[in-house]
Amino acid sequence: MIEMNDIVREGHPSLRKVATEVQFPLTDEEQSLCRDLLGYVVNSQDDELCARYGLRPGIGLASPQVNVSKRIFALHIEEDDKKPLSIIAINPKIVSHSVEKTYLTSGEGCLSVDRDIEGYVPRYARITVKAYDTDGIEYKLRLKGLPAIAFQHELDHLNGIMFYDHIDAQAPFKDIPGALPYDRD
């Protein structure tokens, strides 16, 4: 089980490297990594487990965040009015995206960042993605709203990009032309 002390923090070189493509079939270690990444985000959304193990809640976790430079991440998002999204994404890619942008009105956070960083992070409002599951089967998803934002956040981790790299340092809350704000509440 991944715990907070297994997650590397900003400044760690793993977070700035472009992760390597994964070959199939997965090794036993890669299978275990996939289970552990998804396990963390699922467990971190359970208040009792957070309290017991000192977990910070999260909806996504990428392998570079646990010091494994491979193109793998997990997402687990339960929205009240929608079917939950719970995936492992291996070698993920965005194959198309909207012109329209969006951003979280509350800003983004990250399990690898222990400080609050305010500002809007522009993201594509809608994306079509392809990735592989743990059996090496390719799948395609169309995402919008929080799932689209989270997918882009985790994909950035595989490319050595942190969410705050997208924030305008001179004007963190400046208007993003044509963007529709997304409010999680």
N, C-alpha and C. Protein backbone atom coordinates (compact mmCIF):
# COMPACT_ATOMS: atom_id res chain seq x y z
N MET A 1 0.83 -1.19 0.00
CA MET A 1 0.00 0.00 0.00
C MET A 1 0.88 1.25 0.00
N ILE A 2 0.56 2.17 -0.90
CA ILE A 2 1.27 3.45 -0.96
C ILE A 2 0.76 4.33 0.17
N GLU A 3 1.70 4.97 0.87
CA GLU A 3 1.36 5.93 1.91
C GLU A 3 2.02 7.26 1.56
N MET A 4 1.73 8.29 2.32
CA MET A 4 2.24 9.62 2.00
C MET A 4 3.77 9.67 1.93
N ASN A 5 4.45 8.91 2.79
CA ASN A 5 5.91 8.96 2.76
C ASN A 5 6.50 8.28 1.52
N ASP A 6 5.67 7.58 0.73
CA ASP A 6 6.12 6.98 -0.53
C ASP A 6 6.04 7.96 -1.69
N ILE A 7 5.33 9.06 -1.49
CA ILE A 7 5.11 10.04 -2.56
C ILE A 7 6.20 11.10 -2.50
N VAL A 8 6.95 11.26 -3.60
CA VAL A 8 8.02 12.25 -3.63
C VAL A 8 7.43 13.65 -3.75
N ARG A 9 8.17 14.62 -3.23
CA ARG A 9 7.69 16.00 -3.21
C ARG A 9 8.44 16.85 -4.21
N GLU A 10 7.82 18.04 -4.48
CA GLU A 10 8.41 18.94 -5.46
C GLU A 10 9.88 19.16 -5.15
N GLY A 11 10.67 19.24 -6.21
CA GLY A 11 12.11 19.34 -6.07
C GLY A 11 12.79 18.01 -6.34
N HIS A 12 12.04 16.92 -6.23
CA HIS A 12 12.60 15.59 -6.52
C HIS A 12 12.78 15.46 -8.03
N PRO A 13 13.94 14.97 -8.49
CA PRO A 13 14.20 14.90 -9.94
C PRO A 13 13.22 14.04 -10.73
N SER A 14 12.61 13.05 -10.11
CA SER A 14 11.65 12.18 -10.80
C SER A 14 10.47 12.96 -11.35
N LEU A 15 10.12 14.06 -10.69
CA LEU A 15 8.95 14.85 -11.10
C LEU A 15 9.22 15.71 -12.33
N ARG A 16 10.47 15.85 -12.72
CA ARG A 16 10.81 16.69 -13.87
C ARG A 16 11.33 15.90 -15.07
N LYS A 17 11.30 14.57 -14.96
CA LYS A 17 11.74 13.72 -16.06
C LYS A 17 10.55 13.31 -16.92
N VAL A 18 10.80 13.12 -18.22
CA VAL A 18 9.78 12.55 -19.09
C VAL A 18 9.83 11.04 -18.86
N ALA A 19 8.70 10.48 -18.46
CA ALA A 19 8.63 9.05 -18.13
C ALA A 19 8.72 8.20 -19.40
N THR A 20 9.19 6.97 -19.23
CA THR A 20 9.38 6.08 -20.37
C THR A 20 8.12 5.26 -20.66
N GLU A 21 7.95 4.92 -21.95
CA GLU A 21 6.83 4.08 -22.38
C GLU A 21 6.93 2.72 -21.71
N VAL A 22 5.79 2.12 -21.50
CA VAL A 22 5.71 0.80 -20.87
C VAL A 22 5.52 -0.25 -21.96
N GLN A 23 6.23 -1.35 -21.83
CA GLN A 23 6.09 -2.48 -22.76
C GLN A 23 5.14 -3.51 -22.17
N PHE A 24 4.47 -4.22 -23.05
CA PHE A 24 3.56 -5.29 -22.62
C PHE A 24 4.13 -6.64 -23.02
N PRO A 25 3.86 -7.69 -22.25
CA PRO A 25 3.04 -7.70 -21.03
C PRO A 25 3.76 -7.02 -19.88
N LEU A 26 2.96 -6.54 -18.93
CA LEU A 26 3.52 -5.88 -17.76
C LEU A 26 4.27 -6.89 -16.90
N THR A 27 5.32 -6.41 -16.27
CA THR A 27 6.03 -7.24 -15.30
C THR A 27 5.19 -7.32 -14.02
N ASP A 28 5.54 -8.24 -13.14
CA ASP A 28 4.84 -8.34 -11.86
C ASP A 28 4.96 -7.03 -11.08
N GLU A 29 6.13 -6.38 -11.15
CA GLU A 29 6.33 -5.11 -10.45
C GLU A 29 5.41 -4.03 -11.02
N GLU A 30 5.25 -4.01 -12.36
CA GLU A 30 4.37 -3.01 -12.97
C GLU A 30 2.91 -3.28 -12.64
N GLN A 31 2.52 -4.54 -12.60
CA GLN A 31 1.14 -4.89 -12.20
C GLN A 31 0.89 -4.41 -10.77
N SER A 32 1.85 -4.65 -9.89
CA SER A 32 1.73 -4.23 -8.50
C SER A 32 1.66 -2.71 -8.39
N LEU A 33 2.49 -2.02 -9.17
CA LEU A 33 2.48 -0.55 -9.19
C LEU A 33 1.09 -0.04 -9.59
N CYS A 34 0.50 -0.61 -10.62
CA CYS A 34 -0.83 -0.20 -11.07
C CYS A 34 -1.86 -0.37 -9.96
N ARG A 35 -1.85 -1.52 -9.32
CA ARG A 35 -2.78 -1.78 -8.21
C ARG A 35 -2.57 -0.78 -7.08
N ASP A 36 -1.31 -0.51 -6.78
CA ASP A 36 -0.99 0.39 -5.66
C ASP A 36 -1.39 1.84 -5.96
N LEU A 37 -1.17 2.30 -7.20
CA LEU A 37 -1.55 3.67 -7.56
C LEU A 37 -3.06 3.85 -7.43
N LEU A 38 -3.81 2.92 -8.00
CA LEU A 38 -5.27 3.01 -7.91
C LEU A 38 -5.73 2.82 -6.47
N GLY A 39 -5.10 1.91 -5.76
CA GLY A 39 -5.43 1.69 -4.35
C GLY A 39 -5.27 2.95 -3.54
N TYR A 40 -4.19 3.72 -3.79
CA TYR A 40 -3.99 4.95 -3.02
C TYR A 40 -5.14 5.92 -3.24
N VAL A 41 -5.49 6.19 -4.52
CA VAL A 41 -6.52 7.21 -4.75
C VAL A 41 -7.89 6.75 -4.23
N VAL A 42 -8.18 5.47 -4.32
CA VAL A 42 -9.43 4.96 -3.75
C VAL A 42 -9.40 5.10 -2.22
N ASN A 43 -8.34 4.62 -1.58
CA ASN A 43 -8.22 4.69 -0.12
C ASN A 43 -8.22 6.13 0.39
N SER A 44 -7.61 7.04 -0.39
CA SER A 44 -7.47 8.43 0.07
C SER A 44 -8.80 9.17 0.05
N GLN A 45 -9.82 8.56 -0.53
CA GLN A 45 -11.15 9.18 -0.54
C GLN A 45 -12.04 8.62 0.57
N ASP A 46 -11.47 7.78 1.41
CA ASP A 46 -12.17 7.20 2.55
C ASP A 46 -11.66 7.91 3.81
N ASP A 47 -12.54 8.66 4.46
CA ASP A 47 -12.14 9.47 5.63
C ASP A 47 -11.48 8.63 6.72
N GLU A 48 -12.01 7.44 6.97
CA GLU A 48 -11.47 6.58 8.02
C GLU A 48 -10.04 6.14 7.68
N LEU A 49 -9.81 5.73 6.43
CA LEU A 49 -8.47 5.30 6.03
C LEU A 49 -7.49 6.48 6.02
N CYS A 50 -7.97 7.66 5.61
CA CYS A 50 -7.11 8.85 5.65
C CYS A 50 -6.63 9.12 7.07
N ALA A 51 -7.55 9.03 8.01
CA ALA A 51 -7.20 9.28 9.41
C ALA A 51 -6.26 8.21 9.94
N ARG A 52 -6.54 6.95 9.61
CA ARG A 52 -5.74 5.84 10.13
C ARG A 52 -4.31 5.86 9.58
N TYR A 53 -4.16 6.16 8.28
CA TYR A 53 -2.83 6.07 7.65
C TYR A 53 -2.20 7.41 7.32
N GLY A 54 -2.86 8.50 7.68
CA GLY A 54 -2.30 9.82 7.42
C GLY A 54 -2.23 10.15 5.93
N LEU A 55 -3.26 9.75 5.19
CA LEU A 55 -3.29 9.98 3.74
C LEU A 55 -3.88 11.35 3.44
N ARG A 56 -3.38 11.97 2.39
CA ARG A 56 -4.02 13.18 1.87
C ARG A 56 -4.95 12.76 0.74
N PRO A 57 -6.17 13.27 0.73
CA PRO A 57 -7.09 12.89 -0.34
C PRO A 57 -6.58 13.31 -1.71
N GLY A 58 -6.82 12.45 -2.70
CA GLY A 58 -6.44 12.74 -4.07
C GLY A 58 -7.34 11.99 -5.03
N ILE A 59 -7.39 12.46 -6.26
CA ILE A 59 -8.18 11.77 -7.29
C ILE A 59 -7.30 11.16 -8.36
N GLY A 60 -6.01 11.46 -8.32
CA GLY A 60 -5.08 10.89 -9.30
C GLY A 60 -3.69 10.76 -8.71
N LEU A 61 -2.96 9.79 -9.23
CA LEU A 61 -1.57 9.58 -8.81
C LEU A 61 -0.81 8.97 -9.98
N ALA A 62 0.31 9.59 -10.31
CA ALA A 62 1.14 9.13 -11.43
C ALA A 62 2.40 8.45 -10.90
N SER A 63 2.90 7.49 -11.67
CA SER A 63 4.06 6.72 -11.20
C SER A 63 5.29 7.57 -10.89
N PRO A 64 5.57 8.68 -11.64
CA PRO A 64 6.72 9.50 -11.23
C PRO A 64 6.60 10.05 -9.81
N GLN A 65 5.37 10.15 -9.31
CA GLN A 65 5.16 10.65 -7.96
C GLN A 65 5.57 9.65 -6.89
N VAL A 66 5.78 8.40 -7.29
CA VAL A 66 6.31 7.40 -6.36
C VAL A 66 7.70 6.96 -6.84
N ASN A 67 8.36 7.87 -7.57
CA ASN A 67 9.74 7.69 -8.02
C ASN A 67 9.91 6.51 -8.99
N VAL A 68 8.91 6.29 -9.84
CA VAL A 68 8.99 5.28 -10.90
C VAL A 68 8.70 6.01 -12.20
N SER A 69 9.72 6.15 -13.03
CA SER A 69 9.59 6.94 -14.25
C SER A 69 9.02 6.12 -15.40
N LYS A 70 7.74 5.77 -15.27
CA LYS A 70 7.02 5.02 -16.31
C LYS A 70 5.71 5.73 -16.61
N ARG A 71 5.21 5.55 -17.82
CA ARG A 71 4.01 6.25 -18.27
C ARG A 71 2.74 5.52 -17.79
N ILE A 72 2.50 5.65 -16.49
CA ILE A 72 1.35 5.01 -15.84
C ILE A 72 0.76 6.00 -14.83
N PHE A 73 -0.58 6.11 -14.83
CA PHE A 73 -1.22 6.82 -13.73
C PHE A 73 -2.59 6.20 -13.45
N ALA A 74 -3.12 6.56 -12.29
CA ALA A 74 -4.44 6.09 -11.86
C ALA A 74 -5.32 7.30 -11.58
N LEU A 75 -6.60 7.17 -11.92
CA LEU A 75 -7.61 8.17 -11.58
C LEU A 75 -8.78 7.48 -10.91
N HIS A 76 -9.33 8.11 -9.90
CA HIS A 76 -10.55 7.61 -9.26
C HIS A 76 -11.37 8.83 -8.87
N ILE A 77 -12.45 9.04 -9.63
CA ILE A 77 -13.28 10.23 -9.43
C ILE A 77 -14.72 9.78 -9.28
N GLU A 78 -15.32 10.12 -8.16
CA GLU A 78 -16.73 9.84 -7.94
C GLU A 78 -17.46 11.17 -7.85
N GLU A 79 -18.23 11.47 -8.91
CA GLU A 79 -19.03 12.67 -8.89
C GLU A 79 -20.46 12.28 -8.55
N ASP A 80 -21.15 13.12 -7.80
CA ASP A 80 -22.48 12.79 -7.30
C ASP A 80 -23.46 12.36 -8.39
N ASP A 81 -23.48 13.08 -9.48
CA ASP A 81 -24.50 12.86 -10.49
C ASP A 81 -24.05 11.99 -11.67
N LYS A 82 -22.85 11.46 -11.61
CA LYS A 82 -22.33 10.71 -12.74
C LYS A 82 -21.77 9.36 -12.31
N LYS A 83 -21.57 8.51 -13.31
CA LYS A 83 -20.94 7.21 -13.07
C LYS A 83 -19.48 7.46 -12.66
N PRO A 84 -18.97 6.73 -11.66
CA PRO A 84 -17.58 6.96 -11.25
C PRO A 84 -16.59 6.59 -12.36
N LEU A 85 -15.49 7.32 -12.39
CA LEU A 85 -14.40 7.03 -13.32
C LEU A 85 -13.26 6.47 -12.47
N SER A 86 -12.88 5.24 -12.73
CA SER A 86 -11.81 4.60 -11.98
C SER A 86 -10.97 3.84 -12.99
N ILE A 87 -9.79 4.39 -13.32
CA ILE A 87 -8.97 3.82 -14.39
C ILE A 87 -7.49 3.77 -14.05
N ILE A 88 -6.83 2.83 -14.69
CA ILE A 88 -5.38 2.84 -14.82
C ILE A 88 -5.12 3.25 -16.26
N ALA A 89 -4.27 4.22 -16.47
CA ALA A 89 -3.91 4.66 -17.82
C ALA A 89 -2.43 4.38 -18.05
N ILE A 90 -2.16 3.50 -19.01
CA ILE A 90 -0.78 3.16 -19.36
C ILE A 90 -0.50 3.70 -20.75
N ASN A 91 0.62 4.39 -20.90
CA ASN A 91 1.00 5.05 -22.16
C ASN A 91 -0.13 5.92 -22.70
N PRO A 92 -0.72 6.79 -21.84
CA PRO A 92 -1.87 7.59 -22.26
C PRO A 92 -1.48 8.71 -23.22
N LYS A 93 -2.46 9.06 -24.08
CA LYS A 93 -2.28 10.16 -25.03
C LYS A 93 -3.60 10.89 -25.19
N ILE A 94 -3.52 12.19 -25.41
CA ILE A 94 -4.69 12.95 -25.83
C ILE A 94 -4.69 12.92 -27.35
N VAL A 95 -5.76 12.40 -27.95
CA VAL A 95 -5.81 12.29 -29.41
C VAL A 95 -6.57 13.45 -30.05
N SER A 96 -7.44 14.11 -29.28
CA SER A 96 -8.07 15.34 -29.76
C SER A 96 -8.56 16.12 -28.54
N HIS A 97 -8.75 17.42 -28.75
CA HIS A 97 -9.21 18.27 -27.66
C HIS A 97 -10.01 19.44 -28.21
N SER A 98 -10.81 20.02 -27.33
CA SER A 98 -11.61 21.19 -27.69
C SER A 98 -10.71 22.41 -27.81
N VAL A 99 -11.19 23.40 -28.53
CA VAL A 99 -10.53 24.70 -28.54
C VAL A 99 -10.81 25.38 -27.21
N GLU A 100 -12.02 25.17 -26.73
CA GLU A 100 -12.45 25.77 -25.47
C GLU A 100 -11.61 25.27 -24.29
N LYS A 101 -11.31 26.18 -23.40
CA LYS A 101 -10.54 25.85 -22.20
C LYS A 101 -11.45 25.88 -20.97
N THR A 102 -10.92 25.35 -19.89
CA THR A 102 -11.59 25.40 -18.60
C THR A 102 -10.51 25.50 -17.52
N TYR A 103 -10.94 25.68 -16.29
CA TYR A 103 -10.02 25.69 -15.15
C TYR A 103 -10.84 25.48 -13.89
N LEU A 104 -10.21 24.92 -12.87
CA LEU A 104 -10.86 24.77 -11.57
C LEU A 104 -10.87 26.12 -10.87
N THR A 105 -12.04 26.57 -10.46
CA THR A 105 -12.12 27.87 -9.79
C THR A 105 -11.36 27.87 -8.46
N SER A 106 -11.27 26.68 -7.84
CA SER A 106 -10.55 26.57 -6.56
C SER A 106 -9.05 26.37 -6.76
N GLY A 107 -8.61 26.25 -8.02
CA GLY A 107 -7.21 25.96 -8.30
C GLY A 107 -6.94 24.47 -8.17
N GLU A 108 -5.78 24.05 -8.61
CA GLU A 108 -5.40 22.64 -8.53
C GLU A 108 -4.46 22.42 -7.36
N GLY A 109 -4.44 21.18 -6.90
CA GLY A 109 -3.50 20.77 -5.87
C GLY A 109 -2.80 19.53 -6.34
N CYS A 110 -1.85 19.06 -5.57
CA CYS A 110 -1.06 17.91 -5.98
C CYS A 110 -0.51 17.22 -4.74
N LEU A 111 -0.55 15.89 -4.75
CA LEU A 111 -0.01 15.13 -3.63
C LEU A 111 1.49 15.32 -3.46
N SER A 112 2.17 15.77 -4.52
CA SER A 112 3.61 16.01 -4.44
C SER A 112 3.95 17.45 -4.06
N VAL A 113 2.94 18.26 -3.81
CA VAL A 113 3.16 19.67 -3.46
C VAL A 113 2.51 19.92 -2.10
N ASP A 114 3.33 20.26 -1.13
CA ASP A 114 2.86 20.44 0.25
C ASP A 114 2.45 21.87 0.57
N ARG A 115 2.36 22.71 -0.42
CA ARG A 115 1.98 24.10 -0.17
C ARG A 115 0.82 24.48 -1.08
N ASP A 116 0.08 25.48 -0.66
CA ASP A 116 -1.01 25.99 -1.51
C ASP A 116 -0.41 26.90 -2.56
N ILE A 117 -0.76 26.65 -3.81
CA ILE A 117 -0.32 27.51 -4.90
C ILE A 117 -1.58 28.00 -5.59
N GLU A 118 -1.84 29.29 -5.45
CA GLU A 118 -3.06 29.85 -5.99
C GLU A 118 -2.89 30.23 -7.45
N GLY A 119 -4.00 30.14 -8.16
CA GLY A 119 -4.02 30.57 -9.56
C GLY A 119 -4.78 29.59 -10.43
N TYR A 120 -5.17 30.09 -11.59
CA TYR A 120 -5.92 29.28 -12.54
C TYR A 120 -4.96 28.50 -13.43
N VAL A 121 -5.29 27.22 -13.61
CA VAL A 121 -4.51 26.33 -14.47
C VAL A 121 -5.36 26.05 -15.71
N PRO A 122 -5.03 26.68 -16.85
CA PRO A 122 -5.85 26.43 -18.04
C PRO A 122 -5.69 25.00 -18.54
N ARG A 123 -6.84 24.38 -18.84
CA ARG A 123 -6.88 23.01 -19.36
C ARG A 123 -7.89 22.98 -20.50
N TYR A 124 -7.79 21.97 -21.36
CA TYR A 124 -8.81 21.79 -22.39
C TYR A 124 -10.11 21.38 -21.71
N ALA A 125 -11.23 21.93 -22.18
CA ALA A 125 -12.53 21.62 -21.58
C ALA A 125 -12.98 20.19 -21.89
N ARG A 126 -12.67 19.72 -23.09
CA ARG A 126 -13.04 18.36 -23.50
C ARG A 126 -11.86 17.71 -24.19
N ILE A 127 -11.63 16.45 -23.88
CA ILE A 127 -10.53 15.72 -24.52
C ILE A 127 -11.00 14.31 -24.89
N THR A 128 -10.39 13.80 -25.94
CA THR A 128 -10.53 12.39 -26.28
C THR A 128 -9.17 11.77 -26.07
N VAL A 129 -9.14 10.68 -25.32
CA VAL A 129 -7.86 10.08 -24.93
C VAL A 129 -7.83 8.61 -25.31
N LYS A 130 -6.61 8.13 -25.48
CA LYS A 130 -6.37 6.70 -25.65
C LYS A 130 -5.32 6.29 -24.64
N ALA A 131 -5.48 5.08 -24.12
CA ALA A 131 -4.51 4.53 -23.17
C ALA A 131 -4.69 3.02 -23.19
N TYR A 132 -3.85 2.33 -22.45
CA TYR A 132 -3.93 0.87 -22.34
C TYR A 132 -4.24 0.51 -20.90
N ASP A 133 -4.99 -0.59 -20.75
CA ASP A 133 -5.24 -1.11 -19.42
C ASP A 133 -4.12 -2.09 -19.04
N THR A 134 -4.23 -2.72 -17.89
CA THR A 134 -3.15 -3.59 -17.41
C THR A 134 -2.99 -4.86 -18.24
N ASP A 135 -4.00 -5.19 -19.05
CA ASP A 135 -3.90 -6.35 -19.94
C ASP A 135 -3.34 -5.99 -21.30
N GLY A 136 -3.01 -4.71 -21.50
CA GLY A 136 -2.47 -4.27 -22.79
C GLY A 136 -3.55 -3.98 -23.82
N ILE A 137 -4.79 -3.85 -23.36
CA ILE A 137 -5.90 -3.56 -24.28
C ILE A 137 -6.11 -2.05 -24.33
N GLU A 138 -6.08 -1.52 -25.56
CA GLU A 138 -6.26 -0.07 -25.74
C GLU A 138 -7.72 0.30 -25.53
N TYR A 139 -7.93 1.44 -24.88
CA TYR A 139 -9.28 1.97 -24.73
C TYR A 139 -9.27 3.45 -25.06
N LYS A 140 -10.45 3.95 -25.38
CA LYS A 140 -10.63 5.35 -25.76
C LYS A 140 -11.74 5.94 -24.91
N LEU A 141 -11.53 7.14 -24.39
CA LEU A 141 -12.53 7.83 -23.57
C LEU A 141 -12.69 9.27 -24.04
N ARG A 142 -13.91 9.77 -23.91
CA ARG A 142 -14.16 11.19 -24.10
C ARG A 142 -14.45 11.75 -22.71
N LEU A 143 -13.69 12.76 -22.33
CA LEU A 143 -13.79 13.31 -20.97
C LEU A 143 -14.07 14.80 -21.02
N LYS A 144 -14.81 15.28 -20.01
CA LYS A 144 -15.02 16.71 -19.83
C LYS A 144 -15.11 16.98 -18.34
N GLY A 145 -15.08 18.24 -17.98
CA GLY A 145 -15.19 18.61 -16.57
C GLY A 145 -14.00 18.11 -15.76
N LEU A 146 -14.28 17.72 -14.52
CA LEU A 146 -13.21 17.29 -13.61
C LEU A 146 -12.40 16.11 -14.16
N PRO A 147 -13.02 15.08 -14.75
CA PRO A 147 -12.21 13.99 -15.30
C PRO A 147 -11.21 14.46 -16.37
N ALA A 148 -11.62 15.40 -17.22
CA ALA A 148 -10.70 15.92 -18.24
C ALA A 148 -9.55 16.70 -17.60
N ILE A 149 -9.88 17.51 -16.61
CA ILE A 149 -8.85 18.29 -15.91
C ILE A 149 -7.86 17.35 -15.21
N ALA A 150 -8.38 16.36 -14.50
CA ALA A 150 -7.52 15.44 -13.76
C ALA A 150 -6.65 14.61 -14.71
N PHE A 151 -7.20 14.17 -15.83
CA PHE A 151 -6.42 13.39 -16.80
C PHE A 151 -5.24 14.23 -17.29
N GLN A 152 -5.49 15.50 -17.62
CA GLN A 152 -4.42 16.37 -18.10
C GLN A 152 -3.37 16.63 -17.03
N HIS A 153 -3.82 16.78 -15.77
CA HIS A 153 -2.89 16.97 -14.65
C HIS A 153 -1.94 15.78 -14.52
N GLU A 154 -2.52 14.56 -14.56
CA GLU A 154 -1.69 13.36 -14.41
C GLU A 154 -0.81 13.14 -15.63
N LEU A 155 -1.32 13.41 -16.82
CA LEU A 155 -0.51 13.27 -18.03
C LEU A 155 0.69 14.22 -17.97
N ASP A 156 0.47 15.43 -17.44
CA ASP A 156 1.59 16.36 -17.26
C ASP A 156 2.69 15.73 -16.41
N HIS A 157 2.32 15.00 -15.35
CA HIS A 157 3.33 14.36 -14.51
C HIS A 157 4.22 13.41 -15.33
N LEU A 158 3.65 12.75 -16.33
CA LEU A 158 4.44 11.83 -17.15
C LEU A 158 5.39 12.56 -18.08
N ASN A 159 5.15 13.87 -18.24
CA ASN A 159 5.99 14.69 -19.10
C ASN A 159 6.87 15.67 -18.32
N GLY A 160 6.97 15.47 -17.01
CA GLY A 160 7.84 16.31 -16.19
C GLY A 160 7.30 17.71 -15.95
N ILE A 161 5.99 17.87 -16.06
CA ILE A 161 5.36 19.19 -15.90
C ILE A 161 4.53 19.20 -14.62
N MET A 162 4.68 20.25 -13.84
CA MET A 162 3.89 20.43 -12.62
C MET A 162 2.74 21.39 -12.93
N PHE A 163 1.63 21.25 -12.21
CA PHE A 163 0.45 22.07 -12.50
C PHE A 163 0.75 23.56 -12.44
N TYR A 164 1.61 23.97 -11.52
CA TYR A 164 1.88 25.40 -11.37
C TYR A 164 2.72 25.97 -12.50
N ASP A 165 3.29 25.11 -13.35
CA ASP A 165 3.99 25.60 -14.55
C ASP A 165 3.02 26.31 -15.49
N HIS A 166 1.73 25.99 -15.40
CA HIS A 166 0.71 26.58 -16.27
C HIS A 166 0.14 27.89 -15.73
N ILE A 167 0.42 28.21 -14.47
CA ILE A 167 -0.15 29.43 -13.85
C ILE A 167 0.68 30.64 -14.25
N ASP A 168 0.01 31.70 -14.64
CA ASP A 168 0.68 32.95 -14.98
C ASP A 168 1.21 33.56 -13.67
N ALA A 169 2.52 33.57 -13.51
CA ALA A 169 3.13 34.04 -12.26
C ALA A 169 2.84 35.52 -11.99
N GLN A 170 2.70 36.32 -13.06
CA GLN A 170 2.46 37.76 -12.89
C GLN A 170 1.00 38.06 -12.54
N ALA A 171 0.09 37.20 -13.05
CA ALA A 171 -1.34 37.42 -12.80
C ALA A 171 -2.04 36.06 -12.68
N PRO A 172 -1.88 35.40 -11.50
CA PRO A 172 -2.38 34.03 -11.36
C PRO A 172 -3.88 33.86 -11.54
N PHE A 173 -4.65 34.91 -11.33
CA PHE A 173 -6.11 34.81 -11.48
C PHE A 173 -6.63 35.58 -12.69
N LYS A 174 -5.75 35.83 -13.66
CA LYS A 174 -6.22 36.59 -14.82
C LYS A 174 -7.21 35.76 -15.63
N ASP A 175 -8.08 36.48 -16.31
CA ASP A 175 -9.09 35.84 -17.13
C ASP A 175 -8.42 35.00 -18.22
N ILE A 176 -8.95 33.79 -18.43
CA ILE A 176 -8.46 32.93 -19.50
C ILE A 176 -9.48 33.06 -20.64
N PRO A 177 -9.09 33.72 -21.73
CA PRO A 177 -10.05 33.99 -22.81
C PRO A 177 -10.75 32.71 -23.30
N GLY A 178 -12.09 32.79 -23.35
CA GLY A 178 -12.89 31.69 -23.87
C GLY A 178 -13.02 30.50 -22.93
N ALA A 179 -12.51 30.61 -21.71
CA ALA A 179 -12.56 29.47 -20.79
C ALA A 179 -13.82 29.49 -19.95
N LEU A 180 -14.36 28.31 -19.70
CA LEU A 180 -15.49 28.16 -18.81
C LEU A 180 -14.99 27.67 -17.47
N PRO A 181 -15.20 28.42 -16.40
CA PRO A 181 -14.73 27.97 -15.08
C PRO A 181 -15.46 26.70 -14.66
N TYR A 182 -14.75 25.82 -13.97
CA TYR A 182 -15.35 24.59 -13.44
C TYR A 182 -15.28 24.68 -11.93
N ASP A 183 -16.43 24.58 -11.29
CA ASP A 183 -16.52 24.66 -9.84
C ASP A 183 -16.86 23.28 -9.30
N ARG A 184 -15.99 22.70 -8.47
CA ARG A 184 -16.20 21.34 -7.92
C ARG A 184 -17.35 21.27 -6.94
N ASP A 185 -17.75 22.38 -6.37
CA ASP A 185 -18.79 22.35 -5.32
C ASP A 185 -20.17 22.34 -5.88
